[in-house]
Full PDB file with SEQRES, HELIX, SHEET, SSBOND, CRYST1, ORIGX, SCALE, CONECT and MASTER records, all heavy atoms in Angstrom:
SEQRES   1 A   39  GLY ILE LEU LEU ILE ALA ILE ALA SER GLY ILE SER TYR          
SEQRES   2 A   39  THR ALA TYR ARG LEU PHE ILE ASP VAL GLN ARG GLY ILE          
SEQRES   3 A   39  PHE GLU ARG PHE HIS SER MET PRO ILE SER ARG SER THR          
HELIX    1 AA1 ILE A    2  GLN A   23  1                                  22    
HELIX    2 AA2 ILE A   26  HIS A   31  1                                   6    
CRYST1    1.000    1.000    1.000  90.00  90.00  90.00 P 1           1          
ORIGX1      1.000000  0.000000  0.000000        0.00000                         
ORIGX2      0.000000  1.000000  0.000000        0.00000                         
ORIGX3      0.000000  0.000000  1.000000        0.00000                         
SCALE1      1.000000  0.000000  0.000000        0.00000                         
SCALE2      0.000000  1.000000  0.000000        0.00000                         
SCALE3      0.000000  0.000000  1.000000        0.00000                         
ATOM      1  N   GLY A   1     -16.481 -11.606 -16.316  1.00  0.00           N  
ATOM      2  CA  GLY A   1     -15.308 -12.339 -15.854  1.00  0.00           C  
ATOM      3  C   GLY A   1     -14.019 -11.598 -16.122  1.00  0.00           C  
ATOM      4  O   GLY A   1     -13.091 -11.604 -15.295  1.00  0.00           O  
ATOM      5  N   ILE A   2     -13.927 -10.942 -17.263  1.00  0.00           N  
ATOM      6  CA  ILE A   2     -12.730 -10.159 -17.605  1.00  0.00           C  
ATOM      7  C   ILE A   2     -12.555  -9.003 -16.628  1.00  0.00           C  
ATOM      8  O   ILE A   2     -11.439  -8.686 -16.198  1.00  0.00           O  
ATOM      9  CB  ILE A   2     -12.824  -9.623 -19.046  1.00  0.00           C  
ATOM     10  CG1 ILE A   2     -12.803 -10.790 -20.043  1.00  0.00           C  
ATOM     11  CG2 ILE A   2     -11.688  -8.648 -19.338  1.00  0.00           C  
ATOM     12  CD1 ILE A   2     -11.510 -11.587 -20.051  1.00  0.00           C  
ATOM     13  N   LEU A   3     -13.650  -8.373 -16.237  1.00  0.00           N  
ATOM     14  CA  LEU A   3     -13.583  -7.266 -15.283  1.00  0.00           C  
ATOM     15  C   LEU A   3     -13.055  -7.748 -13.930  1.00  0.00           C  
ATOM     16  O   LEU A   3     -12.235  -7.073 -13.294  1.00  0.00           O  
ATOM     17  CB  LEU A   3     -14.956  -6.633 -15.111  1.00  0.00           C  
ATOM     18  CG  LEU A   3     -15.551  -5.951 -16.334  1.00  0.00           C  
ATOM     19  CD1 LEU A   3     -16.937  -5.399 -16.032  1.00  0.00           C  
ATOM     20  CD2 LEU A   3     -14.643  -4.835 -16.846  1.00  0.00           C  
ATOM     21  N   LEU A   4     -13.474  -8.932 -13.492  1.00  0.00           N  
ATOM     22  CA  LEU A   4     -12.998  -9.460 -12.222  1.00  0.00           C  
ATOM     23  C   LEU A   4     -11.510  -9.833 -12.293  1.00  0.00           C  
ATOM     24  O   LEU A   4     -10.767  -9.625 -11.321  1.00  0.00           O  
ATOM     25  CB  LEU A   4     -13.823 -10.686 -11.799  1.00  0.00           C  
ATOM     26  CG  LEU A   4     -15.315 -10.463 -11.545  1.00  0.00           C  
ATOM     27  CD1 LEU A   4     -15.908 -11.669 -10.833  1.00  0.00           C  
ATOM     28  CD2 LEU A   4     -15.561  -9.210 -10.728  1.00  0.00           C  
ATOM     29  N   ILE A   5     -11.081 -10.351 -13.429  1.00  0.00           N  
ATOM     30  CA  ILE A   5      -9.662 -10.674 -13.613  1.00  0.00           C  
ATOM     31  C   ILE A   5      -8.830  -9.391 -13.554  1.00  0.00           C  
ATOM     32  O   ILE A   5      -7.751  -9.368 -12.955  1.00  0.00           O  
ATOM     33  CB  ILE A   5      -9.444 -11.414 -14.937  1.00  0.00           C  
ATOM     34  CG1 ILE A   5     -10.011 -12.835 -14.850  1.00  0.00           C  
ATOM     35  CG2 ILE A   5      -7.958 -11.475 -15.289  1.00  0.00           C  
ATOM     36  CD1 ILE A   5      -9.935 -13.618 -16.146  1.00  0.00           C  
ATOM     37  N   ALA A   6      -9.321  -8.344 -14.189  1.00  0.00           N  
ATOM     38  CA  ALA A   6      -8.600  -7.063 -14.179  1.00  0.00           C  
ATOM     39  C   ALA A   6      -8.460  -6.524 -12.759  1.00  0.00           C  
ATOM     40  O   ALA A   6      -7.392  -6.043 -12.361  1.00  0.00           O  
ATOM     41  CB  ALA A   6      -9.330  -6.047 -15.057  1.00  0.00           C  
ATOM     42  N   ILE A   7      -9.527  -6.617 -11.980  1.00  0.00           N  
ATOM     43  CA  ILE A   7      -9.482  -6.140 -10.601  1.00  0.00           C  
ATOM     44  C   ILE A   7      -8.522  -6.977  -9.766  1.00  0.00           C  
ATOM     45  O   ILE A   7      -7.727  -6.447  -8.972  1.00  0.00           O  
ATOM     46  CB  ILE A   7     -10.892  -6.144  -9.985  1.00  0.00           C  
ATOM     47  CG1 ILE A   7     -11.771  -5.089 -10.673  1.00  0.00           C  
ATOM     48  CG2 ILE A   7     -10.843  -5.901  -8.483  1.00  0.00           C  
ATOM     49  CD1 ILE A   7     -13.241  -5.171 -10.318  1.00  0.00           C  
ATOM     50  N   ALA A   8      -8.575  -8.294  -9.945  1.00  0.00           N  
ATOM     51  CA  ALA A   8      -7.662  -9.172  -9.208  1.00  0.00           C  
ATOM     52  C   ALA A   8      -6.209  -8.886  -9.543  1.00  0.00           C  
ATOM     53  O   ALA A   8      -5.331  -8.944  -8.679  1.00  0.00           O  
ATOM     54  CB  ALA A   8      -8.006 -10.637  -9.508  1.00  0.00           C  
ATOM     55  N   SER A   9      -5.949  -8.565 -10.818  1.00  0.00           N  
ATOM     56  CA  SER A   9      -4.583  -8.199 -11.213  1.00  0.00           C  
ATOM     57  C   SER A   9      -4.176  -6.873 -10.594  1.00  0.00           C  
ATOM     58  O   SER A   9      -3.034  -6.708 -10.141  1.00  0.00           O  
ATOM     59  CB  SER A   9      -4.492  -8.092 -12.734  1.00  0.00           C  
ATOM     60  OG  SER A   9      -4.801  -9.322 -13.360  1.00  0.00           O  
ATOM     61  N   GLY A  10      -5.099  -5.946 -10.546  1.00  0.00           N  
ATOM     62  CA  GLY A  10      -4.786  -4.615 -10.032  1.00  0.00           C  
ATOM     63  C   GLY A  10      -4.491  -4.604  -8.554  1.00  0.00           C  
ATOM     64  O   GLY A  10      -3.581  -3.893  -8.101  1.00  0.00           O  
ATOM     65  N   ILE A  11      -5.218  -5.396  -7.757  1.00  0.00           N  
ATOM     66  CA  ILE A  11      -5.024  -5.330  -6.315  1.00  0.00           C  
ATOM     67  C   ILE A  11      -3.691  -5.953  -5.884  1.00  0.00           C  
ATOM     68  O   ILE A  11      -3.211  -5.688  -4.784  1.00  0.00           O  
ATOM     69  CB  ILE A  11      -6.207  -5.971  -5.555  1.00  0.00           C  
ATOM     70  CG1 ILE A  11      -6.484  -7.389  -6.009  1.00  0.00           C  
ATOM     71  CG2 ILE A  11      -7.453  -5.117  -5.717  1.00  0.00           C  
ATOM     72  CD1 ILE A  11      -5.900  -8.413  -5.124  1.00  0.00           C  
ATOM     73  N   SER A  12      -3.079  -6.761  -6.733  1.00  0.00           N  
ATOM     74  CA  SER A  12      -1.768  -7.309  -6.377  1.00  0.00           C  
ATOM     75  C   SER A  12      -0.739  -6.190  -6.225  1.00  0.00           C  
ATOM     76  O   SER A  12       0.215  -6.306  -5.441  1.00  0.00           O  
ATOM     77  CB  SER A  12      -1.300  -8.319  -7.436  1.00  0.00           C  
ATOM     78  OG  SER A  12      -1.047  -7.689  -8.681  1.00  0.00           O  
ATOM     79  N   TYR A  13      -0.934  -5.098  -6.955  1.00  0.00           N  
ATOM     80  CA  TYR A  13      -0.002  -3.967  -6.849  1.00  0.00           C  
ATOM     81  C   TYR A  13      -0.196  -3.205  -5.545  1.00  0.00           C  
ATOM     82  O   TYR A  13       0.727  -2.541  -5.075  1.00  0.00           O  
ATOM     83  CB  TYR A  13      -0.158  -3.051  -8.051  1.00  0.00           C  
ATOM     84  CG  TYR A  13       0.485  -3.618  -9.276  1.00  0.00           C  
ATOM     85  CD1 TYR A  13      -0.238  -4.390 -10.183  1.00  0.00           C  
ATOM     86  CD2 TYR A  13       1.841  -3.430  -9.534  1.00  0.00           C  
ATOM     87  CE1 TYR A  13       0.358  -4.939 -11.299  1.00  0.00           C  
ATOM     88  CE2 TYR A  13       2.453  -3.978 -10.648  1.00  0.00           C  
ATOM     89  CZ  TYR A  13       1.689  -4.731 -11.528  1.00  0.00           C  
ATOM     90  OH  TYR A  13       2.296  -5.288 -12.626  1.00  0.00           O  
ATOM     91  N   THR A  14      -1.387  -3.290  -4.958  1.00  0.00           N  
ATOM     92  CA  THR A  14      -1.586  -2.692  -3.650  1.00  0.00           C  
ATOM     93  C   THR A  14      -0.717  -3.387  -2.622  1.00  0.00           C  
ATOM     94  O   THR A  14      -0.052  -2.743  -1.795  1.00  0.00           O  
ATOM     95  CB  THR A  14      -3.070  -2.794  -3.232  1.00  0.00           C  
ATOM     96  OG1 THR A  14      -3.872  -2.119  -4.208  1.00  0.00           O  
ATOM     97  CG2 THR A  14      -3.291  -2.170  -1.864  1.00  0.00           C  
ATOM     98  N   ALA A  15      -0.702  -4.719  -2.661  1.00  0.00           N  
ATOM     99  CA  ALA A  15       0.138  -5.489  -1.753  1.00  0.00           C  
ATOM    100  C   ALA A  15       1.615  -5.169  -1.980  1.00  0.00           C  
ATOM    101  O   ALA A  15       2.392  -5.012  -1.036  1.00  0.00           O  
ATOM    102  CB  ALA A  15      -0.113  -6.982  -1.936  1.00  0.00           C  
ATOM    103  N   TYR A  16       1.981  -5.067  -3.253  1.00  0.00           N  
ATOM    104  CA  TYR A  16       3.381  -4.765  -3.581  1.00  0.00           C  
ATOM    105  C   TYR A  16       3.805  -3.404  -3.058  1.00  0.00           C  
ATOM    106  O   TYR A  16       4.863  -3.257  -2.438  1.00  0.00           O  
ATOM    107  CB  TYR A  16       3.556  -4.822  -5.105  1.00  0.00           C  
ATOM    108  CG  TYR A  16       4.889  -4.288  -5.587  1.00  0.00           C  
ATOM    109  CD1 TYR A  16       6.040  -5.043  -5.478  1.00  0.00           C  
ATOM    110  CD2 TYR A  16       4.976  -3.017  -6.158  1.00  0.00           C  
ATOM    111  CE1 TYR A  16       7.268  -4.550  -5.917  1.00  0.00           C  
ATOM    112  CE2 TYR A  16       6.180  -2.511  -6.596  1.00  0.00           C  
ATOM    113  CZ  TYR A  16       7.322  -3.292  -6.484  1.00  0.00           C  
ATOM    114  OH  TYR A  16       8.532  -2.784  -6.908  1.00  0.00           O  
ATOM    115  N   ARG A  17       2.970  -2.381  -3.276  1.00  0.00           N  
ATOM    116  CA  ARG A  17       3.320  -1.035  -2.836  1.00  0.00           C  
ATOM    117  C   ARG A  17       3.367  -0.930  -1.301  1.00  0.00           C  
ATOM    118  O   ARG A  17       4.222  -0.242  -0.740  1.00  0.00           O  
ATOM    119  CB  ARG A  17       2.336  -0.018  -3.417  1.00  0.00           C  
ATOM    120  CG  ARG A  17       2.492   0.198  -4.918  1.00  0.00           C  
ATOM    121  CD  ARG A  17       1.633   1.353  -5.395  1.00  0.00           C  
ATOM    122  NE  ARG A  17       0.216   1.100  -5.216  1.00  0.00           N  
ATOM    123  CZ  ARG A  17      -0.551   0.507  -6.125  1.00  0.00           C  
ATOM    124  NH1 ARG A  17      -0.023   0.101  -7.263  1.00  0.00           N  
ATOM    125  NH2 ARG A  17      -1.832   0.317  -5.899  1.00  0.00           N  
ATOM    126  N   LEU A  18       2.470  -1.624  -0.633  1.00  0.00           N  
ATOM    127  CA  LEU A  18       2.487  -1.630   0.821  1.00  0.00           C  
ATOM    128  C   LEU A  18       3.763  -2.294   1.341  1.00  0.00           C  
ATOM    129  O   LEU A  18       4.388  -1.811   2.292  1.00  0.00           O  
ATOM    130  CB  LEU A  18       1.263  -2.368   1.363  1.00  0.00           C  
ATOM    131  CG  LEU A  18       0.012  -1.516   1.598  1.00  0.00           C  
ATOM    132  CD1 LEU A  18      -1.189  -2.415   1.862  1.00  0.00           C  
ATOM    133  CD2 LEU A  18       0.221  -0.567   2.739  1.00  0.00           C  
ATOM    134  N   PHE A  19       4.131  -3.397   0.717  1.00  0.00           N  
ATOM    135  CA  PHE A  19       5.349  -4.101   1.124  1.00  0.00           C  
ATOM    136  C   PHE A  19       6.581  -3.213   0.954  1.00  0.00           C  
ATOM    137  O   PHE A  19       7.440  -3.152   1.840  1.00  0.00           O  
ATOM    138  CB  PHE A  19       5.513  -5.381   0.299  1.00  0.00           C  
ATOM    139  CG  PHE A  19       6.794  -6.126   0.573  1.00  0.00           C  
ATOM    140  CD1 PHE A  19       6.917  -6.951   1.681  1.00  0.00           C  
ATOM    141  CD2 PHE A  19       7.886  -5.990  -0.276  1.00  0.00           C  
ATOM    142  CE1 PHE A  19       8.111  -7.611   1.942  1.00  0.00           C  
ATOM    143  CE2 PHE A  19       9.081  -6.649  -0.027  1.00  0.00           C  
ATOM    144  CZ  PHE A  19       9.192  -7.465   1.088  1.00  0.00           C  
ATOM    145  N   ILE A  20       6.649  -2.506  -0.166  1.00  0.00           N  
ATOM    146  CA  ILE A  20       7.786  -1.605  -0.406  1.00  0.00           C  
ATOM    147  C   ILE A  20       7.837  -0.496   0.627  1.00  0.00           C  
ATOM    148  O   ILE A  20       8.914  -0.138   1.147  1.00  0.00           O  
ATOM    149  CB  ILE A  20       7.707  -1.010  -1.833  1.00  0.00           C  
ATOM    150  CG1 ILE A  20       7.872  -2.129  -2.885  1.00  0.00           C  
ATOM    151  CG2 ILE A  20       8.767   0.061  -2.024  1.00  0.00           C  
ATOM    152  CD1 ILE A  20       9.180  -2.875  -2.807  1.00  0.00           C  
ATOM    153  N   ASP A  21       6.686   0.065   0.977  1.00  0.00           N  
ATOM    154  CA  ASP A  21       6.654   1.109   1.993  1.00  0.00           C  
ATOM    155  C   ASP A  21       7.141   0.587   3.344  1.00  0.00           C  
ATOM    156  O   ASP A  21       7.853   1.288   4.070  1.00  0.00           O  
ATOM    157  CB  ASP A  21       5.232   1.658   2.145  1.00  0.00           C  
ATOM    158  CG  ASP A  21       4.913   2.728   1.109  1.00  0.00           C  
ATOM    159  OD1 ASP A  21       5.809   3.048   0.293  1.00  0.00           O  
ATOM    160  OD2 ASP A  21       3.768   3.241   1.095  1.00  0.00           O  
ATOM    161  N   VAL A  22       6.742  -0.639   3.667  1.00  0.00           N  
ATOM    162  CA  VAL A  22       7.182  -1.235   4.943  1.00  0.00           C  
ATOM    163  C   VAL A  22       8.686  -1.440   4.931  1.00  0.00           C  
ATOM    164  O   VAL A  22       9.395  -1.088   5.891  1.00  0.00           O  
ATOM    165  CB  VAL A  22       6.452  -2.562   5.186  1.00  0.00           C  
ATOM    166  CG1 VAL A  22       7.091  -3.316   6.364  1.00  0.00           C  
ATOM    167  CG2 VAL A  22       4.974  -2.335   5.448  1.00  0.00           C  
ATOM    168  N   GLN A  23       9.203  -1.996   3.832  1.00  0.00           N  
ATOM    169  CA  GLN A  23      10.626  -2.303   3.757  1.00  0.00           C  
ATOM    170  C   GLN A  23      11.500  -1.052   3.754  1.00  0.00           C  
ATOM    171  O   GLN A  23      12.615  -1.045   4.280  1.00  0.00           O  
ATOM    172  CB  GLN A  23      10.919  -3.133   2.508  1.00  0.00           C  
ATOM    173  CG  GLN A  23      10.290  -4.526   2.528  1.00  0.00           C  
ATOM    174  CD  GLN A  23      10.757  -5.343   3.710  1.00  0.00           C  
ATOM    175  OE1 GLN A  23      11.952  -5.526   3.920  1.00  0.00           O  
ATOM    176  NE2 GLN A  23       9.815  -5.856   4.496  1.00  0.00           N  
ATOM    177  N   ARG A  24      11.010   0.020   3.181  1.00  0.00           N  
ATOM    178  CA  ARG A  24      11.788   1.260   3.092  1.00  0.00           C  
ATOM    179  C   ARG A  24      11.622   2.159   4.325  1.00  0.00           C  
ATOM    180  O   ARG A  24      12.210   3.243   4.387  1.00  0.00           O  
ATOM    181  CB  ARG A  24      11.376   2.039   1.839  1.00  0.00           C  
ATOM    182  CG  ARG A  24      11.776   1.350   0.541  1.00  0.00           C  
ATOM    183  CD  ARG A  24      11.298   2.139  -0.663  1.00  0.00           C  
ATOM    184  NE  ARG A  24      11.736   1.524  -1.913  1.00  0.00           N  
ATOM    185  CZ  ARG A  24      11.382   1.940  -3.127  1.00  0.00           C  
ATOM    186  NH1 ARG A  24      10.571   2.989  -3.251  1.00  0.00           N  
ATOM    187  NH2 ARG A  24      11.814   1.329  -4.211  1.00  0.00           N  
ATOM    188  N   GLY A  25      10.826   1.728   5.266  1.00  0.00           N  
ATOM    189  CA  GLY A  25      10.647   2.515   6.480  1.00  0.00           C  
ATOM    190  C   GLY A  25       9.775   3.747   6.287  1.00  0.00           C  
ATOM    191  O   GLY A  25       9.841   4.680   7.090  1.00  0.00           O  
ATOM    192  N   ILE A  26       8.956   3.732   5.228  1.00  0.00           N  
ATOM    193  CA  ILE A  26       8.103   4.900   4.957  1.00  0.00           C  
ATOM    194  C   ILE A  26       7.101   5.103   6.086  1.00  0.00           C  
ATOM    195  O   ILE A  26       6.804   6.248   6.482  1.00  0.00           O  
ATOM    196  CB  ILE A  26       7.370   4.725   3.620  1.00  0.00           C  
ATOM    197  CG1 ILE A  26       8.385   4.590   2.466  1.00  0.00           C  
ATOM    198  CG2 ILE A  26       6.423   5.890   3.368  1.00  0.00           C  
ATOM    199  CD1 ILE A  26       9.253   5.786   2.270  1.00  0.00           C  
ATOM    200  N   PHE A  27       6.555   4.013   6.599  1.00  0.00           N  
ATOM    201  CA  PHE A  27       5.577   4.138   7.679  1.00  0.00           C  
ATOM    202  C   PHE A  27       6.183   4.852   8.880  1.00  0.00           C  
ATOM    203  O   PHE A  27       5.555   5.746   9.476  1.00  0.00           O  
ATOM    204  CB  PHE A  27       5.077   2.748   8.094  1.00  0.00           C  
ATOM    205  CG  PHE A  27       4.090   2.152   7.138  1.00  0.00           C  
ATOM    206  CD1 PHE A  27       3.721   2.814   5.978  1.00  0.00           C  
ATOM    207  CD2 PHE A  27       3.516   0.927   7.396  1.00  0.00           C  
ATOM    208  CE1 PHE A  27       2.817   2.268   5.089  1.00  0.00           C  
ATOM    209  CE2 PHE A  27       2.601   0.357   6.523  1.00  0.00           C  
ATOM    210  CZ  PHE A  27       2.252   1.035   5.368  1.00  0.00           C  
ATOM    211  N   GLU A  28       7.393   4.451   9.262  1.00  0.00           N  
ATOM    212  CA  GLU A  28       8.032   5.071  10.422  1.00  0.00           C  
ATOM    213  C   GLU A  28       8.249   6.570  10.213  1.00  0.00           C  
ATOM    214  O   GLU A  28       8.088   7.372  11.134  1.00  0.00           O  
ATOM    215  CB  GLU A  28       9.370   4.384  10.709  1.00  0.00           C  
ATOM    216  CG  GLU A  28       9.252   2.994  11.320  1.00  0.00           C  
ATOM    217  CD  GLU A  28       8.885   1.928  10.300  1.00  0.00           C  
ATOM    218  OE1 GLU A  28       8.819   2.255   9.097  1.00  0.00           O  
ATOM    219  OE2 GLU A  28       8.663   0.778  10.703  1.00  0.00           O  
ATOM    220  N   ARG A  29       8.604   6.950   8.981  1.00  0.00           N  
ATOM    221  CA  ARG A  29       8.827   8.378   8.698  1.00  0.00           C  
ATOM    222  C   ARG A  29       7.544   9.180   8.855  1.00  0.00           C  
ATOM    223  O   ARG A  29       7.526  10.249   9.475  1.00  0.00           O  
ATOM    224  CB  ARG A  29       9.364   8.548   7.271  1.00  0.00           C  
ATOM    225  CG  ARG A  29      10.738   7.927   7.043  1.00  0.00           C  
ATOM    226  CD  ARG A  29      11.178   8.155   5.608  1.00  0.00           C  
ATOM    227  NE  ARG A  29      12.344   7.351   5.268  1.00  0.00           N  
ATOM    228  CZ  ARG A  29      12.910   7.330   4.061  1.00  0.00           C  
ATOM    229  NH1 ARG A  29      12.388   8.054   3.076  1.00  0.00           N  
ATOM    230  NH2 ARG A  29      13.958   6.565   3.827  1.00  0.00           N  
ATOM    231  N   PHE A  30       6.452   8.659   8.286  1.00  0.00           N  
ATOM    232  CA  PHE A  30       5.190   9.378   8.375  1.00  0.00           C  
ATOM    233  C   PHE A  30       4.641   9.364   9.804  1.00  0.00           C  
ATOM    234  O   PHE A  30       3.983  10.324  10.228  1.00  0.00           O  
ATOM    235  CB  PHE A  30       4.166   8.794   7.406  1.00  0.00           C  
ATOM    236  CG  PHE A  30       4.356   9.234   5.981  1.00  0.00           C  
ATOM    237  CD1 PHE A  30       4.614   8.324   4.980  1.00  0.00           C  
ATOM    238  CD2 PHE A  30       4.258  10.572   5.647  1.00  0.00           C  
ATOM    239  CE1 PHE A  30       4.788   8.730   3.661  1.00  0.00           C  
ATOM    240  CE2 PHE A  30       4.427  10.999   4.338  1.00  0.00           C  
ATOM    241  CZ  PHE A  30       4.699  10.076   3.344  1.00  0.00           C  
ATOM    242  N   HIS A  31       4.895   8.271  10.520  1.00  0.00           N  
ATOM    243  CA  HIS A  31       4.374   8.182  11.886  1.00  0.00           C  
ATOM    244  C   HIS A  31       5.058   9.173  12.822  1.00  0.00           C  
ATOM    245  O   HIS A  31       4.536   9.464  13.905  1.00  0.00           O  
ATOM    246  CB  HIS A  31       4.557   6.761  12.422  1.00  0.00           C  
ATOM    247  CG  HIS A  31       3.677   5.763  11.744  1.00  0.00           C  
ATOM    248  ND1 HIS A  31       3.878   4.397  11.798  1.00  0.00           N  
ATOM    249  CD2 HIS A  31       2.563   5.932  10.967  1.00  0.00           C  
ATOM    250  CE1 HIS A  31       2.943   3.785  11.089  1.00  0.00           C  
ATOM    251  NE2 HIS A  31       2.147   4.684  10.582  1.00  0.00           N  
ATOM    252  N   SER A  32       6.216   9.658  12.419  1.00  0.00           N  
ATOM    253  CA  SER A  32       6.902  10.673  13.231  1.00  0.00           C  
ATOM    254  C   SER A  32       6.319  12.066  13.022  1.00  0.00           C  
ATOM    255  O   SER A  32       6.691  13.011  13.698  1.00  0.00           O  
ATOM    256  CB  SER A  32       8.398  10.686  12.897  1.00  0.00           C  
ATOM    257  OG  SER A  32       8.612  11.122  11.565  1.00  0.00           O  
ATOM    258  N   MET A  33       5.391  12.158  12.052  1.00  0.00           N  
ATOM    259  CA  MET A  33       4.756  13.435  11.750  1.00  0.00           C  
ATOM    260  C   MET A  33       3.355  13.501  12.386  1.00  0.00           C  
ATOM    261  O   MET A  33       2.758  12.467  12.702  1.00  0.00           O  
ATOM    262  CB  MET A  33       4.619  13.631  10.232  1.00  0.00           C  
ATOM    263  CG  MET A  33       5.954  13.548   9.499  1.00  0.00           C  
ATOM    264  SD  MET A  33       5.710  13.678   7.692  1.00  0.00           S  
ATOM    265  CE  MET A  33       7.388  13.415   7.114  1.00  0.00           C  
ATOM    266  N   PRO A  34       2.823  14.703  12.574  1.00  0.00           N  
ATOM    267  CA  PRO A  34       1.494  14.837  13.181  1.00  0.00           C  
ATOM    268  C   PRO A  34       0.359  14.564  12.185  1.00  0.00           C  
ATOM    269  O   PRO A  34      -0.395  15.451  11.784  1.00  0.00           O  
ATOM    270  CB  PRO A  34       1.480  16.306  13.648  1.00  0.00           C  
ATOM    271  CG  PRO A  34       2.348  16.996  12.654  1.00  0.00           C  
ATOM    272  CD  PRO A  34       3.463  16.016  12.347  1.00  0.00           C  
ATOM    273  N   ILE A  35       0.272  13.310  11.753  1.00  0.00           N  
ATOM    274  CA  ILE A  35      -0.788  12.921  10.826  1.00  0.00           C  
ATOM    275  C   ILE A  35      -1.485  11.689  11.370  1.00  0.00           C  
ATOM    276  O   ILE A  35      -0.962  10.978  12.227  1.00  0.00           O  
ATOM    277  CB  ILE A  35      -0.244  12.614   9.410  1.00  0.00           C  
ATOM    278  CG1 ILE A  35       0.684  11.392   9.434  1.00  0.00           C  
ATOM    279  CG2 ILE A  35       0.440  13.820   8.805  1.00  0.00           C  
ATOM    280  CD1 ILE A  35       1.112  10.936   8.069  1.00  0.00           C  
ATOM    281  N   SER A  36      -2.672  11.454  10.880  1.00  0.00           N  
ATOM    282  CA  SER A  36      -3.418  10.269  11.282  1.00  0.00           C  
ATOM    283  C   SER A  36      -2.749   9.026  10.716  1.00  0.00           C  
ATOM    284  O   SER A  36      -2.521   8.925   9.513  1.00  0.00           O  
ATOM    285  CB  SER A  36      -4.862  10.359  10.766  1.00  0.00           C  
ATOM    286  OG  SER A  36      -5.569   9.182  11.058  1.00  0.00           O  
ATOM    287  N   ARG A  37      -2.424   8.098  11.595  1.00  0.00           N  
ATOM    288  CA  ARG A  37      -1.670   6.920  11.154  1.00  0.00           C  
ATOM    289  C   ARG A  37      -2.446   6.056  10.160  1.00  0.00           C  
ATOM    290  O   ARG A  37      -1.874   5.494   9.235  1.00  0.00           O  
ATOM    291  CB  ARG A  37      -1.269   6.072  12.365  1.00  0.00           C  
ATOM    292  CG  ARG A  37      -0.231   6.755  13.242  1.00  0.00           C  
ATOM    293  CD  ARG A  37       0.252   5.827  14.336  1.00  0.00           C  
ATOM    294  NE  ARG A  37       1.379   6.407  15.068  1.00  0.00           N  
ATOM    295  CZ  ARG A  37       2.076   5.761  15.989  1.00  0.00           C  
ATOM    296  NH1 ARG A  37       1.736   4.525  16.314  1.00  0.00           N  
ATOM    297  NH2 ARG A  37       3.088   6.354  16.595  1.00  0.00           N  
ATOM    298  N   SER A  38      -3.746   5.944  10.331  1.00  0.00           N  
ATOM    299  CA  SER A  38      -4.533   5.087   9.458  1.00  0.00           C  
ATOM    300  C   SER A  38      -4.627   5.617   8.041  1.00  0.00           C  
ATOM    301  O   SER A  38      -4.959   4.871   7.110  1.00  0.00           O  
ATOM    302  CB  SER A  38      -5.934   4.900  10.038  1.00  0.00           C  
ATOM    303  OG  SER A  38      -6.607   6.138  10.146  1.00  0.00           O  
ATOM    304  N   THR A  39      -4.335   6.918   7.823  1.00  0.00           N  
ATOM    305  CA  THR A  39      -4.433   7.476   6.471  1.00  0.00           C  
ATOM    306  C   THR A  39      -3.399   6.865   5.532  1.00  0.00           C  
ATOM    307  O   THR A  39      -3.600   6.842   4.321  1.00  0.00           O  
ATOM    308  CB  THR A  39      -4.239   9.004   6.486  1.00  0.00           C  
ATOM    309  OG1 THR A  39      -2.985   9.334   7.087  1.00  0.00           O  
ATOM    310  CG2 THR A  39      -5.359   9.673   7.238  1.00  0.00           C  
TER     311      THR A  39                                                      
MASTER        0    0    0    2    0    0    0    6  310    1    0    3          
END                                                                             
């Protein structure tokens, strides 16, 4: 149970980091480059 709680706590930071990238326009910057968008 402790391991599952740790994982649940950790994945909240994934959502946070994605949100920050969206708000700062990071996606748009990388999408202007010749890279795979899904990466």
